[in-house]
Amino acid sequence: MKIMIWALGLAAILTIPAVAAIKSEFVEYKQGETVLEGYLVYDDAIKGQRPGVLVIHQWLGLTDNEKMRANMLAEMGYVAFAVDIYGKGIRPKESSAAGAEAGKYRKDLPLFRERINAGLQTLLKNSNVDPKRVAAIGYCFGGGAALELARSGANIAGVVSFHGSLTTTMPAVAGKIPAKVLVCHGADDPFVPMKDVEGFLDEMRAAGADYQFIAYNGAVHAFTQNEAGNDNSKGAAYNEKADKRSWQAMKDFFAEIF
């Protein structure tokens, strides 16, 4: 009897599925002569290739916020790579410095797109990533970056912008946006006026893009970021309902494109 019990116990142990083991590491890569440092995270209990997701930071650079989102994506089974647009060690602490740093790239879209693409190519080189199932998401400055990636004609499955900028000086070319587009927007965002929304929608229509635009009532800028506080009068504030709804919208979008 003891032998039978032991055998049954061993069989049960052998049939237990592999436990998720989230692994993360910082990865150095380059764009031109500039050294960049991103954050890679994945579940090493998953075997074989899986979808990859690029995570693009807001104007403070790569912070714990993007790492948190990358971890959440890894727990969902994706390989996530939180990229670095500014350069290794460049992490502005004050809004004035952040605005100046972000402004460099908004004023030089070819360079901006090269920095974004450098992160994308680093993700695509990862052996765990299925190159036919790749997307990019971004927040604020990074949301605009995700849209620039789509406008550039990057051959990826889709992009998601969370409270990102919508304007560009290099609009999409008709028939040249293979990526599907999801924009999650704060309906009351004072930093993105209605003319910018209308201009973006006109641009997407003219380009023949496959796009979705969701505006969350009562949400202003930075609605996914806890550190923004809860005072809408400041123009940027966390909104739990919009945060959860937009994350679910992203998950549904990924279910479609992947």
Protein backbone atom coordinates (compact mmCIF):
# COMPACT_ATOMS: atom_id res chain seq x y z
CA MET A 1 0.00 0.00 0.00
CA LYS A 2 2.79 2.42 0.84
CA ILE A 3 4.43 1.73 -2.51
CA MET A 4 1.17 2.46 -4.34
CA ILE A 5 0.64 5.71 -2.43
CA TRP A 6 4.21 6.80 -3.17
CA ALA A 7 3.77 5.97 -6.85
CA LEU A 8 0.55 7.93 -7.05
CA GLY A 9 2.24 10.87 -5.34
CA LEU A 10 5.13 10.78 -7.76
CA ALA A 11 2.75 10.66 -10.72
CA ALA A 12 0.92 13.70 -9.38
CA ILE A 13 4.19 15.59 -9.03
CA LEU A 14 5.24 14.71 -12.57
CA THR A 15 1.96 15.99 -14.01
CA ILE A 16 2.10 19.39 -12.29
CA PRO A 17 2.55 22.06 -15.00
CA ALA A 18 5.68 24.23 -15.00
CA VAL A 19 5.41 27.14 -12.59
CA ALA A 20 5.63 30.57 -14.15
CA ALA A 21 9.05 32.09 -13.63
CA ILE A 22 9.25 35.73 -14.63
CA LYS A 23 12.76 36.67 -15.66
CA SER A 24 13.96 40.22 -16.22
CA GLU A 25 17.18 41.88 -17.26
CA PHE A 26 18.52 45.20 -18.47
CA VAL A 27 19.70 45.11 -22.06
CA GLU A 28 22.15 47.53 -23.63
CA TYR A 29 21.74 48.31 -27.31
CA LYS A 30 22.67 51.16 -29.64
CA GLN A 31 21.25 53.61 -32.13
CA GLY A 32 24.15 55.00 -34.07
CA GLU A 33 26.78 55.79 -31.45
CA THR A 34 24.29 56.30 -28.63
CA VAL A 35 24.12 53.60 -25.97
CA LEU A 36 20.59 52.82 -24.82
CA GLU A 37 19.40 50.58 -21.99
CA GLY A 38 16.04 48.83 -22.02
CA TYR A 39 14.27 46.41 -19.70
CA LEU A 40 13.43 42.91 -20.99
CA VAL A 41 11.02 40.61 -19.16
CA TYR A 42 9.42 37.26 -20.00
CA ASP A 43 8.12 34.02 -18.48
CA ASP A 44 10.79 31.36 -18.98
CA ALA A 45 8.33 28.56 -18.16
CA ILE A 46 6.81 29.16 -21.61
CA LYS A 47 8.56 27.23 -24.34
CA GLY A 48 8.82 28.34 -27.93
CA GLN A 49 8.18 31.66 -29.58
CA ARG A 50 5.41 33.98 -28.44
CA PRO A 51 4.21 37.53 -29.20
CA GLY A 52 6.50 40.40 -28.29
CA VAL A 53 5.43 43.81 -27.03
CA LEU A 54 7.49 46.99 -27.12
CA VAL A 55 6.74 49.37 -24.19
CA ILE A 56 7.63 53.03 -24.80
CA HIS A 57 8.06 55.38 -21.87
CA GLN A 58 6.56 58.76 -21.03
CA TRP A 59 8.61 61.95 -20.88
CA LEU A 60 10.53 61.05 -17.71
CA GLY A 61 12.28 58.24 -19.56
CA LEU A 62 12.31 54.58 -18.60
CA THR A 63 10.90 54.37 -15.07
CA ASP A 64 9.30 51.85 -12.71
CA ASN A 65 5.99 52.57 -14.44
CA GLU A 66 7.08 51.02 -17.72
CA LYS A 67 8.79 48.15 -15.91
CA MET A 68 5.52 47.44 -14.09
CA ARG A 69 3.60 47.34 -17.38
CA ALA A 70 6.27 45.14 -18.93
CA ASN A 71 5.98 42.75 -15.98
CA MET A 72 2.20 42.65 -16.40
CA LEU A 73 2.64 41.79 -20.08
CA ALA A 74 5.14 39.03 -19.25
CA GLU A 75 2.63 37.55 -16.80
CA MET A 76 0.17 37.46 -19.70
CA GLY A 77 2.63 35.34 -21.68
CA TYR A 78 4.32 37.99 -23.83
CA VAL A 79 7.98 38.95 -24.17
CA ALA A 80 8.01 42.62 -23.17
CA PHE A 81 10.80 45.09 -23.86
CA ALA A 82 10.59 48.52 -22.25
CA VAL A 83 12.75 50.65 -24.51
CA ASP A 84 14.95 53.65 -23.86
CA ILE A 85 14.56 56.65 -26.16
CA TYR A 86 16.83 59.09 -24.33
CA GLY A 87 20.02 57.08 -23.73
CA LYS A 88 21.50 55.09 -20.87
CA GLY A 89 21.35 57.00 -17.60
CA ILE A 90 19.30 59.90 -18.98
CA ARG A 91 16.29 59.97 -16.68
CA PRO A 92 14.98 63.51 -16.08
CA LYS A 93 13.78 64.20 -12.55
CA GLU A 94 11.93 67.47 -13.11
CA SER A 95 9.15 68.27 -15.57
CA SER A 96 11.17 71.11 -17.14
CA ALA A 97 14.07 68.77 -17.90
CA ALA A 98 11.67 66.08 -19.10
CA GLY A 99 9.96 68.55 -21.43
CA ALA A 100 13.28 69.64 -22.87
CA GLU A 101 14.42 66.06 -23.42
CA ALA A 102 11.15 64.95 -24.99
CA GLY A 103 11.13 68.08 -27.14
CA LYS A 104 14.40 67.06 -28.81
CA TYR A 105 12.70 64.07 -30.35
CA ARG A 106 9.37 65.68 -31.13
CA LYS A 107 11.30 68.30 -33.10
CA ASP A 108 13.43 65.69 -34.89
CA LEU A 109 11.04 62.93 -35.96
CA PRO A 110 13.57 61.07 -38.15
CA LEU A 111 15.81 60.67 -35.07
CA PHE A 112 12.78 59.83 -32.91
CA ARG A 113 11.75 57.09 -35.30
CA GLU A 114 15.30 55.71 -35.43
CA ARG A 115 15.38 55.47 -31.63
CA ILE A 116 12.01 53.69 -31.57
CA ASN A 117 13.07 51.34 -34.34
CA ALA A 118 16.32 50.50 -32.54
CA GLY A 119 14.26 49.18 -29.65
CA LEU A 120 11.99 47.29 -32.02
CA GLN A 121 14.92 45.60 -33.74
CA THR A 122 16.35 44.58 -30.37
CA LEU A 123 13.04 42.95 -29.45
CA LEU A 124 12.80 41.20 -32.83
CA LYS A 125 16.25 39.66 -32.34
CA ASN A 126 15.12 37.89 -29.17
CA SER A 127 14.82 34.17 -29.88
CA ASN A 128 11.65 33.90 -27.76
CA VAL A 129 9.76 36.38 -29.95
CA ASP A 130 7.60 35.44 -32.91
CA PRO A 131 8.49 38.22 -35.39
CA LYS A 132 5.07 37.94 -37.04
CA ARG A 133 3.32 38.73 -33.75
CA VAL A 134 4.78 41.98 -32.42
CA ALA A 135 3.09 45.13 -31.14
CA ALA A 136 4.07 48.38 -29.43
CA ILE A 137 2.39 50.31 -26.64
CA GLY A 138 3.28 53.69 -25.23
CA TYR A 139 2.29 56.25 -22.61
CA CYS A 140 2.03 60.03 -23.14
CA PHE A 141 5.28 60.80 -25.02
CA GLY A 142 5.51 57.06 -25.64
CA GLY A 143 1.97 56.93 -26.95
CA GLY A 144 2.96 59.43 -29.60
CA ALA A 145 6.05 57.30 -30.26
CA ALA A 146 3.92 54.21 -30.84
CA LEU A 147 1.90 56.18 -33.39
CA GLU A 148 5.09 57.37 -35.09
CA LEU A 149 6.16 53.73 -35.37
CA ALA A 150 2.90 52.94 -37.15
CA ARG A 151 3.21 56.02 -39.38
CA SER A 152 6.73 54.96 -40.35
CA GLY A 153 5.29 51.84 -41.95
CA ALA A 154 6.80 49.39 -39.46
CA ASN A 155 5.72 45.87 -40.35
CA ILE A 156 4.24 44.94 -36.99
CA ALA A 157 0.81 43.71 -35.95
CA GLY A 158 -0.38 46.76 -34.05
CA VAL A 159 0.26 49.75 -31.80
CA VAL A 160 -1.54 51.10 -28.75
CA SER A 161 -1.35 54.70 -27.52
CA PHE A 162 -2.38 55.51 -23.95
CA HIS A 163 -3.06 59.25 -23.51
CA GLY A 164 -0.46 59.97 -26.18
CA SER A 165 0.13 62.97 -28.41
CA LEU A 166 -1.68 62.74 -31.74
CA THR A 167 -0.01 65.36 -33.94
CA THR A 168 2.92 64.81 -36.27
CA THR A 169 4.96 66.66 -38.88
CA MET A 170 5.35 63.42 -40.88
CA PRO A 171 1.79 62.18 -41.44
CA ALA A 172 0.98 58.67 -42.55
CA VAL A 173 1.11 57.83 -46.23
CA ALA A 174 -1.97 56.27 -47.80
CA GLY A 175 -1.74 52.50 -47.83
CA LYS A 176 1.51 52.47 -45.85
CA ILE A 177 0.31 51.58 -42.33
CA PRO A 178 0.33 47.79 -42.00
CA ALA A 179 -0.05 48.00 -38.20
CA LYS A 180 -3.52 48.18 -36.72
CA VAL A 181 -3.95 51.16 -34.39
CA LEU A 182 -5.69 51.55 -31.03
CA VAL A 183 -5.80 54.95 -29.32
CA CYS A 184 -6.97 55.14 -25.69
CA HIS A 185 -7.63 58.81 -25.03
CA GLY A 186 -8.82 60.94 -22.13
CA ALA A 187 -11.98 62.69 -23.34
CA ASP A 188 -11.17 65.72 -21.16
CA ASP A 189 -7.41 65.86 -21.83
CA PRO A 190 -6.58 69.61 -22.00
CA PHE A 191 -3.20 68.92 -23.60
CA VAL A 192 -4.78 67.28 -26.65
CA PRO A 193 -7.40 69.72 -28.00
CA MET A 194 -10.28 68.57 -30.18
CA LYS A 195 -8.58 69.94 -33.29
CA ASP A 196 -5.73 67.48 -32.69
CA VAL A 197 -8.23 64.63 -32.32
CA GLU A 198 -10.04 65.60 -35.51
CA GLY A 199 -6.74 66.02 -37.35
CA PHE A 200 -5.59 62.57 -36.25
CA LEU A 201 -8.86 60.92 -37.33
CA ASP A 202 -8.65 62.66 -40.71
CA GLU A 203 -5.06 61.45 -41.07
CA MET A 204 -5.99 57.84 -40.29
CA ARG A 205 -8.93 57.92 -42.69
CA ALA A 206 -6.81 59.38 -45.49
CA ALA A 207 -4.13 56.74 -44.88
CA GLY A 208 -6.68 53.91 -44.98
CA ALA A 209 -5.49 52.74 -41.57
CA ASP A 210 -7.29 50.08 -39.53
CA TYR A 211 -7.78 52.15 -36.39
CA GLN A 212 -9.87 52.37 -33.23
CA PHE A 213 -10.22 55.51 -31.12
CA ILE A 214 -11.67 55.26 -27.60
CA ALA A 215 -12.29 58.37 -25.49
CA TYR A 216 -12.86 57.82 -21.76
CA ASN A 217 -15.26 60.25 -20.12
CA GLY A 218 -13.95 62.16 -17.14
CA ALA A 219 -10.34 61.22 -17.93
CA VAL A 220 -7.62 63.79 -18.47
CA HIS A 221 -3.96 63.36 -19.38
CA ALA A 222 -1.87 60.59 -17.74
CA PHE A 223 -4.98 58.68 -16.65
CA THR A 224 -3.02 55.41 -16.27
CA GLN A 225 -0.40 56.82 -13.89
CA ASN A 226 -0.97 56.74 -10.14
CA GLU A 227 1.71 59.34 -9.44
CA ALA A 228 -0.30 61.92 -11.39
CA GLY A 229 -2.65 62.27 -8.40
CA ASN A 230 -6.42 62.64 -8.64
CA ASP A 231 -6.95 66.34 -9.30
CA ASN A 232 -8.36 66.70 -12.82
CA SER A 233 -7.98 70.48 -12.62
CA LYS A 234 -4.21 70.04 -13.04
CA GLY A 235 -4.79 68.54 -16.48
CA ALA A 236 -3.08 65.26 -15.60
CA ALA A 237 -4.58 62.81 -13.10
CA TYR A 238 -5.03 59.10 -12.49
CA ASN A 239 -8.42 57.63 -13.34
CA GLU A 240 -8.86 54.06 -12.14
CA LYS A 241 -11.86 53.29 -14.34
CA ALA A 242 -10.17 54.59 -17.49
CA ASP A 243 -6.95 52.78 -16.56
CA LYS A 244 -8.71 49.43 -16.19
CA ARG A 245 -10.91 49.93 -19.25
CA SER A 246 -8.01 50.90 -21.47
CA TRP A 247 -5.91 47.93 -20.31
CA GLN A 248 -8.82 45.63 -21.11
CA ALA A 249 -9.19 47.30 -24.50
CA MET A 250 -5.51 46.59 -25.15
CA LYS A 251 -5.97 42.94 -24.15
CA ASP A 252 -8.93 42.58 -26.52
CA PHE A 253 -6.92 44.27 -29.26
CA PHE A 254 -4.02 41.85 -28.74
CA ALA A 255 -6.41 38.90 -28.83
CA GLU A 256 -7.47 40.12 -32.27
CA ILE A 257 -4.09 40.94 -33.81
CA PHE A 258 -2.18 38.00 -32.36
